[in-house]
Amino acid sequence: MRRTLLLALTYALAPAPALAPVPAAAQSFLGFRALGVPIEAAGARALSLGNLGIGLPNIAVSPSDPAASARLLLPTVTVSMQPAWGDYTMGDQSGTTNTTRFPLIAIGYPATDSGVVTLSLAGHMEQRWVGERNQVVRLGGVDVPIEDSFETDGGTSVARLGWAQPVARWLTVGASAGLYVGRLNQAFDRRLDSLVVGTEVRPYRENYQWGYGGYTFAAGVGIDPHPLIHLGSAIEWSSDLTETPDEDTQGGVNTYEIPLKLSAGATAGLTQRLLFNSSFVYQDWSGAGGFAEGTVSGRKMSWGAGIEWRAMQQEFRSLPIRVGYRSGAPPFRFAAQDPTETAWSLGVGFNLVELEGIPLGWIDLGVERATRTSLPLDENFWRGTISIGISRL
């Protein structure tokens, strides 16, 4: 992942006025003053439908939908991989980027005749960027060119243990408990022009490392009032996220408030082979404590909708085609403007083995064309998602 940008880091880092233009690299600059950019911990089916991780029927294991796995018949494993590539502009500057991540690994295991244990590791926030600046300082009466670089690599994930269970033919419930895990590594390098100061002056480097901690609890309900209608809702509460320096890193413990998250979604079968889904997430970051002034966004609501059509339907396999749209509310600003994120998506599923319409082995592929805006920053990117799942005795 590399990209070059004449980025005015003065928006957040307040460098000296004499700094030269600043090249930089990142997976996204949105939220680089806070916890980073959110990771959608969902599979290709959900992202292809513009879904926000809630209210889809027949999901194997979903970290954001605790009740979704209540009717699993067999032990199930699902893994998602997510390459992304794109470009950005800021004023008259532009550049490109690419990255690859694994946002979700999940397991569901029917432990009793009526209950399912779930275990997942899902992405939460990510920070990966490199900034550089050139300046001239006066040392011993001589002007010395200096190159500074600052690199950040890390983020947070959530490890969850959950339980889901059907209560009635039309009702399922689920709950999960999770731990925030992750690290943040930062490095500062200063290089002086050896032609001016001589080779005996060595480059200067400092390393900083922090660990993240915290916990979260979620509960969800699934309702099926009709064979062609599925409703889902969830609530997630989190403790403060703590950022603790390693023993070799100076500084105290930082705490960041994670606001309550409310989710709801619905899926309706328009025909036996055509589904419509919509979902909503409400999370108010505007009053979250621990962040620098002007960092968090005032936007609260995200929503998405999509259609799934089973282009091929056989007794033990099917081929669904999906299209969707979503509008997101990222929690952190780049500068003074509240950010927005929108995406159109398209996907296809290969349900290799099905039992009564429930996939037991599948491959889902999805691609999104998305934009993020928080003036003066505009980011445009393509993102692909590949999900593989298998259920077996």
Protein backbone atom coordinates (compact mmCIF):
# COMPACT_ATOMS: atom_id res chain seq x y z
CA MET A 1 0.00 0.00 0.00
CA ARG A 2 1.54 3.25 -1.15
CA ARG A 3 0.15 6.58 -2.23
CA THR A 4 1.60 10.03 -2.56
CA LEU A 5 -0.23 13.17 -1.44
CA LEU A 6 0.72 16.77 -0.80
CA LEU A 7 -1.26 16.47 2.41
CA ALA A 8 -1.65 19.44 4.71
CA LEU A 9 -1.21 17.63 7.99
CA THR A 10 -1.46 21.07 9.57
CA TYR A 11 -5.17 20.30 9.93
CA ALA A 12 -4.35 18.01 12.83
CA LEU A 13 -0.64 17.91 13.58
CA ALA A 14 0.02 21.66 13.52
CA PRO A 15 3.55 21.55 12.07
CA ALA A 16 5.82 24.55 11.82
CA PRO A 17 4.90 27.14 9.17
CA ALA A 18 8.15 26.54 7.27
CA LEU A 19 7.28 22.97 6.36
CA ALA A 20 7.51 21.87 2.77
CA PRO A 21 4.72 19.89 1.03
CA VAL A 22 3.99 16.57 2.75
CA PRO A 23 3.87 13.21 0.95
CA ALA A 24 1.80 10.56 2.69
CA ALA A 25 0.43 7.04 2.34
CA ALA A 26 -2.62 5.41 3.93
CA GLN A 27 -5.57 3.05 3.55
CA SER A 28 -7.74 6.08 4.41
CA PHE A 29 -7.04 9.50 5.90
CA LEU A 30 -10.52 9.75 7.40
CA GLY A 31 -10.27 9.54 11.17
CA PHE A 32 -6.47 9.68 11.33
CA ARG A 33 -6.76 12.08 14.27
CA ALA A 34 -8.86 9.60 16.26
CA LEU A 35 -9.26 5.81 16.20
CA GLY A 36 -9.13 5.41 12.42
CA VAL A 37 -11.62 4.29 9.82
CA PRO A 38 -14.37 1.75 10.70
CA ILE A 39 -14.18 -1.77 9.28
CA GLU A 40 -17.42 -3.36 8.10
CA ALA A 41 -17.19 -6.79 9.75
CA ALA A 42 -19.67 -8.45 7.40
CA GLY A 43 -19.61 -11.03 4.66
CA ALA A 44 -19.90 -10.52 0.93
CA ARG A 45 -23.62 -11.26 0.91
CA ALA A 46 -24.42 -8.46 3.35
CA LEU A 47 -22.11 -5.92 1.70
CA SER A 48 -23.47 -6.76 -1.78
CA LEU A 49 -26.97 -5.98 -0.51
CA GLY A 50 -25.94 -2.69 1.10
CA ASN A 51 -26.76 -4.36 4.41
CA LEU A 52 -25.33 -3.05 7.70
CA GLY A 53 -25.04 -6.47 9.34
CA ILE A 54 -28.59 -6.94 10.63
CA GLY A 55 -31.87 -8.48 9.48
CA LEU A 56 -30.72 -10.97 6.84
CA PRO A 57 -32.16 -14.51 7.00
CA ASN A 58 -29.98 -17.63 6.83
CA ILE A 59 -26.77 -15.88 7.95
CA ALA A 60 -24.36 -18.43 9.41
CA VAL A 61 -22.67 -16.24 12.06
CA SER A 62 -22.88 -12.44 12.25
CA PRO A 63 -21.03 -10.46 14.96
CA SER A 64 -23.52 -7.60 14.62
CA ASP A 65 -26.66 -9.83 14.62
CA PRO A 66 -26.47 -12.03 17.76
CA ALA A 67 -29.66 -13.98 16.97
CA ALA A 68 -28.82 -14.72 13.33
CA SER A 69 -27.20 -18.10 13.96
CA ALA A 70 -29.96 -19.54 16.19
CA ARG A 71 -31.17 -22.00 13.54
CA LEU A 72 -27.81 -23.34 12.44
CA LEU A 73 -28.09 -27.06 11.77
CA LEU A 74 -24.40 -27.97 11.59
CA PRO A 75 -21.04 -26.63 12.76
CA THR A 76 -20.21 -23.73 10.45
CA VAL A 77 -17.09 -21.74 9.65
CA THR A 78 -16.98 -18.59 7.53
CA VAL A 79 -14.04 -16.38 6.51
CA SER A 80 -14.01 -13.10 4.58
CA MET A 81 -11.19 -11.39 2.68
CA GLN A 82 -11.40 -7.80 1.46
CA PRO A 83 -9.08 -6.18 -1.10
CA ALA A 84 -9.60 -2.47 -1.82
CA TRP A 85 -8.08 0.02 -4.22
CA GLY A 86 -8.92 3.60 -5.02
CA ASP A 87 -7.90 7.24 -5.27
CA TYR A 88 -8.33 10.50 -3.41
CA THR A 89 -8.22 14.23 -3.99
CA MET A 90 -7.59 17.16 -1.68
CA GLY A 91 -7.66 20.47 -3.45
CA ASP A 92 -5.43 20.13 -6.50
CA GLN A 93 -3.60 17.09 -5.10
CA SER A 94 -4.44 13.46 -5.83
CA GLY A 95 -3.11 9.93 -5.44
CA THR A 96 -3.98 6.23 -5.36
CA THR A 97 -4.09 3.50 -2.72
CA ASN A 98 -4.68 -0.22 -2.23
CA THR A 99 -4.89 -2.57 0.74
CA THR A 100 -6.10 -6.04 1.75
CA ARG A 101 -7.62 -7.14 5.06
CA PHE A 102 -9.44 -10.09 6.64
CA PRO A 103 -12.39 -8.39 8.37
CA LEU A 104 -14.18 -11.47 9.70
CA ILE A 105 -13.54 -15.02 10.92
CA ALA A 106 -16.55 -16.69 12.57
CA ILE A 107 -17.58 -20.10 13.87
CA GLY A 108 -20.99 -21.41 14.89
CA TYR A 109 -21.46 -24.70 16.74
CA PRO A 110 -24.85 -26.24 17.68
CA ALA A 111 -24.06 -27.26 21.25
CA THR A 112 -27.52 -28.55 22.18
CA ASP A 113 -30.77 -29.39 20.41
CA SER A 114 -31.84 -25.75 20.68
CA GLY A 115 -28.75 -23.60 21.22
CA VAL A 116 -25.78 -22.46 19.14
CA VAL A 117 -22.41 -21.25 20.44
CA THR A 118 -20.69 -18.61 18.30
CA LEU A 119 -17.12 -17.39 18.25
CA SER A 120 -15.86 -14.57 16.03
CA LEU A 121 -12.96 -12.21 15.48
CA ALA A 122 -14.09 -9.11 13.63
CA GLY A 123 -12.43 -5.86 12.60
CA HIS A 124 -13.46 -2.64 14.33
CA MET A 125 -11.18 0.33 13.51
CA GLU A 126 -8.02 0.57 11.42
CA GLN A 127 -5.15 3.10 11.28
CA ARG A 128 -2.53 2.72 8.58
CA TRP A 129 -0.84 5.79 7.20
CA VAL A 130 2.55 7.37 6.66
CA GLY A 131 3.25 11.11 6.59
CA GLU A 132 6.43 12.92 5.64
CA ARG A 133 7.54 16.53 5.85
CA ASN A 134 10.64 18.43 4.74
CA GLN A 135 11.95 21.52 6.46
CA VAL A 136 15.12 23.52 6.92
CA VAL A 137 16.50 24.26 10.40
CA ARG A 138 19.51 26.32 11.38
CA LEU A 139 22.19 24.39 13.30
CA GLY A 140 25.47 26.04 14.28
CA GLY A 141 24.84 28.88 11.85
CA VAL A 142 24.20 26.48 8.94
CA ASP A 143 20.89 25.78 7.21
CA VAL A 144 20.34 22.02 7.35
CA PRO A 145 17.62 20.24 5.31
CA ILE A 146 15.69 17.73 7.44
CA GLU A 147 13.32 14.94 6.41
CA ASP A 148 10.78 13.79 9.00
CA SER A 149 8.48 10.79 8.63
CA PHE A 150 5.74 9.55 10.94
CA GLU A 151 4.23 6.07 10.45
CA THR A 152 1.13 4.61 12.10
CA ASP A 153 0.10 0.96 11.76
CA GLY A 154 -2.52 -0.85 13.81
CA GLY A 155 -6.10 -0.77 14.97
CA THR A 156 -8.72 -2.58 17.00
CA SER A 157 -10.69 -5.80 16.59
CA VAL A 158 -13.37 -7.46 18.71
CA ALA A 159 -13.24 -11.10 19.83
CA ARG A 160 -16.78 -12.28 20.69
CA LEU A 161 -18.31 -15.32 22.34
CA GLY A 162 -22.05 -15.66 21.86
CA TRP A 163 -25.11 -17.82 22.31
CA ALA A 164 -28.18 -17.96 20.02
CA GLN A 165 -31.35 -19.94 20.50
CA PRO A 166 -34.83 -20.30 18.98
CA VAL A 167 -37.61 -19.56 21.47
CA ALA A 168 -40.56 -20.25 19.20
CA ARG A 169 -41.17 -21.06 15.55
CA TRP A 170 -41.26 -17.34 14.83
CA LEU A 171 -38.79 -16.02 17.44
CA THR A 172 -35.03 -16.32 18.03
CA VAL A 173 -32.80 -14.57 20.56
CA GLY A 174 -29.07 -14.19 20.98
CA ALA A 175 -26.42 -12.50 23.10
CA SER A 176 -22.67 -12.06 22.98
CA ALA A 177 -19.80 -10.75 25.08
CA GLY A 178 -16.64 -9.42 23.50
CA LEU A 179 -13.21 -8.00 24.19
CA TYR A 180 -11.54 -5.19 22.28
CA VAL A 181 -8.06 -6.27 21.23
CA GLY A 182 -5.36 -4.70 19.11
CA ARG A 183 -2.20 -2.65 19.01
CA LEU A 184 -1.03 0.64 17.57
CA ASN A 185 2.59 1.00 16.43
CA GLN A 186 4.01 4.41 15.60
CA ALA A 187 7.48 5.41 14.49
CA PHE A 188 9.12 8.82 14.05
CA ASP A 189 12.24 9.17 11.86
CA ARG A 190 14.40 12.28 11.37
CA ARG A 191 17.12 12.35 8.73
CA LEU A 192 19.57 15.23 8.31
CA ASP A 193 21.28 16.00 5.01
CA SER A 194 24.65 14.22 5.29
CA LEU A 195 26.19 16.57 2.69
CA VAL A 196 25.71 19.40 5.16
CA VAL A 197 26.25 17.81 8.58
CA GLY A 198 28.57 14.97 7.59
CA THR A 199 28.19 11.21 7.86
CA GLU A 200 28.94 11.12 11.58
CA VAL A 201 25.43 12.44 12.33
CA ARG A 202 23.11 9.44 12.41
CA PRO A 203 19.37 9.40 11.70
CA TYR A 204 17.13 9.72 14.76
CA ARG A 205 14.28 7.26 15.36
CA GLU A 206 11.67 6.83 18.07
CA ASN A 207 9.15 4.00 18.38
CA TYR A 208 5.86 4.15 20.26
CA GLN A 209 3.51 1.28 20.98
CA TRP A 210 0.08 1.12 22.59
CA GLY A 211 -2.28 -1.72 23.40
CA TYR A 212 -6.06 -1.52 23.29
CA GLY A 213 -8.53 -2.98 25.76
CA GLY A 214 -12.18 -2.88 26.70
CA TYR A 215 -15.28 -5.03 26.54
CA THR A 216 -18.66 -5.06 24.87
CA PHE A 217 -22.04 -6.79 25.27
CA ALA A 218 -24.74 -7.26 22.65
CA ALA A 219 -28.23 -8.76 22.53
CA GLY A 220 -30.47 -9.37 19.56
CA VAL A 221 -33.88 -10.67 18.50
CA GLY A 222 -35.03 -12.27 15.26
CA ILE A 223 -38.73 -12.38 14.35
CA ASP A 224 -40.33 -14.34 11.48
CA PRO A 225 -44.02 -13.36 11.45
CA HIS A 226 -44.44 -14.93 7.98
CA PRO A 227 -42.36 -17.46 5.98
CA LEU A 228 -41.39 -14.64 3.60
CA ILE A 229 -40.66 -11.96 6.25
CA HIS A 230 -37.71 -11.74 8.63
CA LEU A 231 -37.06 -8.94 11.14
CA GLY A 232 -33.93 -8.44 13.21
CA SER A 233 -32.76 -5.96 15.83
CA ALA A 234 -29.78 -5.64 18.16
CA ILE A 235 -28.35 -3.39 20.84
CA GLU A 236 -24.64 -3.19 21.66
CA TRP A 237 -23.10 -1.52 24.71
CA SER A 238 -19.36 -0.98 25.12
CA SER A 239 -17.10 0.11 27.94
CA ASP A 240 -14.56 2.85 27.34
CA LEU A 241 -11.81 1.80 24.97
CA THR A 242 -8.47 2.10 26.75
CA GLU A 243 -5.18 2.89 25.01
CA THR A 244 -2.27 1.84 27.20
CA PRO A 245 1.39 2.63 26.37
CA ASP A 246 4.00 -0.11 26.49
CA GLU A 247 6.70 0.12 29.15
CA ASP A 248 9.10 1.73 26.65
CA THR A 249 6.55 4.36 25.57
CA GLN A 250 6.08 7.51 27.61
CA GLY A 251 2.62 8.78 28.38
CA GLY A 252 -0.47 7.82 30.31
CA VAL A 253 -3.53 5.72 29.58
CA ASN A 254 -6.03 7.28 27.16
CA THR A 255 -9.72 6.38 27.28
CA TYR A 256 -12.27 6.80 24.49
CA GLU A 257 -16.01 6.50 24.90
CA ILE A 258 -17.76 4.07 22.51
CA PRO A 259 -21.44 5.07 22.20
CA LEU A 260 -24.43 2.73 22.32
CA LYS A 261 -25.20 1.10 18.98
CA LEU A 262 -28.77 0.33 17.87
CA SER A 263 -29.42 -1.78 14.77
CA ALA A 264 -32.53 -2.97 12.94
CA GLY A 265 -33.20 -4.66 9.64
CA ALA A 266 -35.94 -6.38 7.66
CA THR A 267 -36.09 -8.78 4.73
CA ALA A 268 -39.24 -9.43 2.69
CA GLY A 269 -39.74 -12.06 0.03
CA LEU A 270 -41.39 -10.31 -2.89
CA THR A 271 -41.59 -13.69 -4.63
CA GLN A 272 -40.12 -17.12 -3.86
CA ARG A 273 -36.91 -16.08 -5.64
CA LEU A 274 -36.78 -12.31 -5.03
CA LEU A 275 -35.87 -10.71 -1.67
CA PHE A 276 -35.77 -7.07 -0.57
CA ASN A 277 -33.69 -6.03 2.45
CA SER A 278 -33.23 -2.80 4.37
CA SER A 279 -31.23 -2.02 7.51
CA PHE A 280 -30.48 0.89 9.81
CA VAL A 281 -27.83 1.66 12.43
CA TYR A 282 -27.98 4.52 14.95
CA GLN A 283 -24.81 5.45 16.87
CA ASP A 284 -24.29 8.94 18.26
CA TRP A 285 -20.57 9.74 18.43
CA SER A 286 -21.10 13.49 18.81
CA GLY A 287 -20.94 13.41 22.61
CA ALA A 288 -18.29 10.71 22.95
CA GLY A 289 -15.58 11.65 25.44
CA GLY A 290 -11.84 11.30 25.14
CA PHE A 291 -11.44 12.71 21.63
CA ALA A 292 -9.85 15.99 20.61
CA GLU A 293 -12.20 18.87 19.93
CA GLY A 294 -13.55 18.85 16.37
CA THR A 295 -12.64 15.20 15.79
CA VAL A 296 -15.97 13.37 16.08
CA SER A 297 -18.84 13.64 13.64
CA GLY A 298 -22.35 14.83 14.40
CA ARG A 299 -23.94 12.33 12.01
CA LYS A 300 -25.76 9.45 13.68
CA MET A 301 -27.78 7.36 11.20
CA SER A 302 -26.57 4.89 8.58
CA TRP A 303 -28.89 2.96 6.30
CA GLY A 304 -28.78 0.53 3.41
CA ALA A 305 -31.06 -1.43 1.08
CA GLY A 306 -30.72 -4.13 -1.54
CA ILE A 307 -32.37 -6.81 -3.67
CA GLU A 308 -31.41 -10.47 -4.04
CA TRP A 309 -32.67 -12.51 -7.01
CA ARG A 310 -32.06 -16.24 -7.28
CA ALA A 311 -31.22 -16.45 -10.95
CA MET A 312 -30.84 -20.23 -10.67
CA GLN A 313 -32.71 -22.37 -8.17
CA GLN A 314 -32.27 -26.12 -8.03
CA GLU A 315 -33.07 -28.64 -5.32
CA PHE A 316 -29.64 -28.56 -3.65
CA ARG A 317 -27.98 -25.44 -5.02
CA SER A 318 -28.72 -21.91 -6.16
CA LEU A 319 -27.08 -18.85 -7.69
CA PRO A 320 -28.31 -15.55 -6.22
CA ILE A 321 -27.48 -12.16 -7.76
CA ARG A 322 -27.46 -9.09 -5.52
CA VAL A 323 -27.45 -5.31 -5.83
CA GLY A 324 -27.48 -2.73 -3.06
CA TYR A 325 -26.84 0.81 -1.87
CA ARG A 326 -25.86 2.19 1.51
CA SER A 327 -25.25 5.58 3.09
CA GLY A 328 -22.97 5.63 6.11
CA ALA A 329 -22.11 8.04 8.91
CA PRO A 330 -18.38 7.61 9.70
CA PRO A 331 -17.64 8.61 13.30
CA PHE A 332 -14.58 10.81 12.74
CA ARG A 333 -13.85 13.86 10.63
CA PHE A 334 -10.82 14.66 8.53
CA ALA A 335 -11.14 18.40 9.17
CA ALA A 336 -14.12 20.60 10.00
CA GLN A 337 -16.86 18.93 7.93
CA ASP A 338 -18.91 15.94 9.09
CA PRO A 339 -18.01 12.98 6.86
CA THR A 340 -20.30 10.98 4.60
CA GLU A 341 -19.80 7.59 2.96
CA THR A 342 -21.93 6.11 0.19
CA ALA A 343 -21.58 2.91 -1.80
CA TRP A 344 -23.24 1.06 -4.67
CA SER A 345 -22.68 -2.68 -4.61
CA LEU A 346 -23.10 -5.75 -6.79
CA GLY A 347 -22.53 -9.40 -5.95
CA VAL A 348 -23.15 -13.03 -6.76
CA GLY A 349 -23.39 -16.12 -4.58
CA PHE A 350 -22.56 -19.72 -5.32
CA ASN A 351 -24.59 -21.84 -2.90
CA LEU A 352 -22.93 -25.13 -3.67
CA VAL A 353 -24.97 -27.21 -1.23
CA GLU A 354 -28.38 -26.29 0.19
CA LEU A 355 -30.84 -28.01 2.51
CA GLU A 356 -34.38 -26.63 2.51
CA GLY A 357 -33.05 -23.32 1.20
CA ILE A 358 -30.31 -23.03 3.85
CA PRO A 359 -26.76 -22.93 2.37
CA LEU A 360 -24.36 -25.51 3.79
CA GLY A 361 -21.44 -24.66 1.52
CA TRP A 362 -21.08 -21.37 -0.30
CA ILE A 363 -18.85 -18.77 -1.91
CA ASP A 364 -20.04 -15.15 -2.02
CA LEU A 365 -18.39 -12.46 -4.14
CA GLY A 366 -19.15 -8.75 -3.91
CA VAL A 367 -17.79 -5.47 -5.20
CA GLU A 368 -18.55 -1.92 -4.03
CA ARG A 369 -17.94 1.48 -5.56
CA ALA A 370 -17.77 3.87 -2.63
CA THR A 371 -16.93 7.47 -1.78
CA ARG A 372 -15.93 9.16 1.47
CA THR A 373 -16.06 12.93 1.87
CA SER A 374 -14.95 15.26 4.65
CA LEU A 375 -13.84 18.43 2.91
CA PRO A 376 -11.21 19.13 1.78
CA LEU A 377 -10.72 15.34 1.50
CA ASP A 378 -12.51 13.18 -1.08
CA GLU A 379 -11.79 9.44 -1.30
CA ASN A 380 -13.13 7.13 -4.00
CA PHE A 381 -12.47 3.42 -3.90
CA TRP A 382 -13.44 0.00 -5.18
CA ARG A 383 -13.71 -2.72 -2.58
CA GLY A 384 -14.13 -6.42 -3.20
CA THR A 385 -15.24 -8.97 -0.61
CA ILE A 386 -14.82 -12.72 -0.85
CA SER A 387 -16.58 -14.91 1.73
CA ILE A 388 -16.27 -18.68 2.01
CA GLY A 389 -18.42 -20.76 4.33
CA ILE A 390 -18.90 -24.43 5.02
CA SER A 391 -21.16 -26.46 7.30
CA ARG A 392 -20.54 -30.13 8.01
CA LEU A 393 -20.87 -32.82 10.63
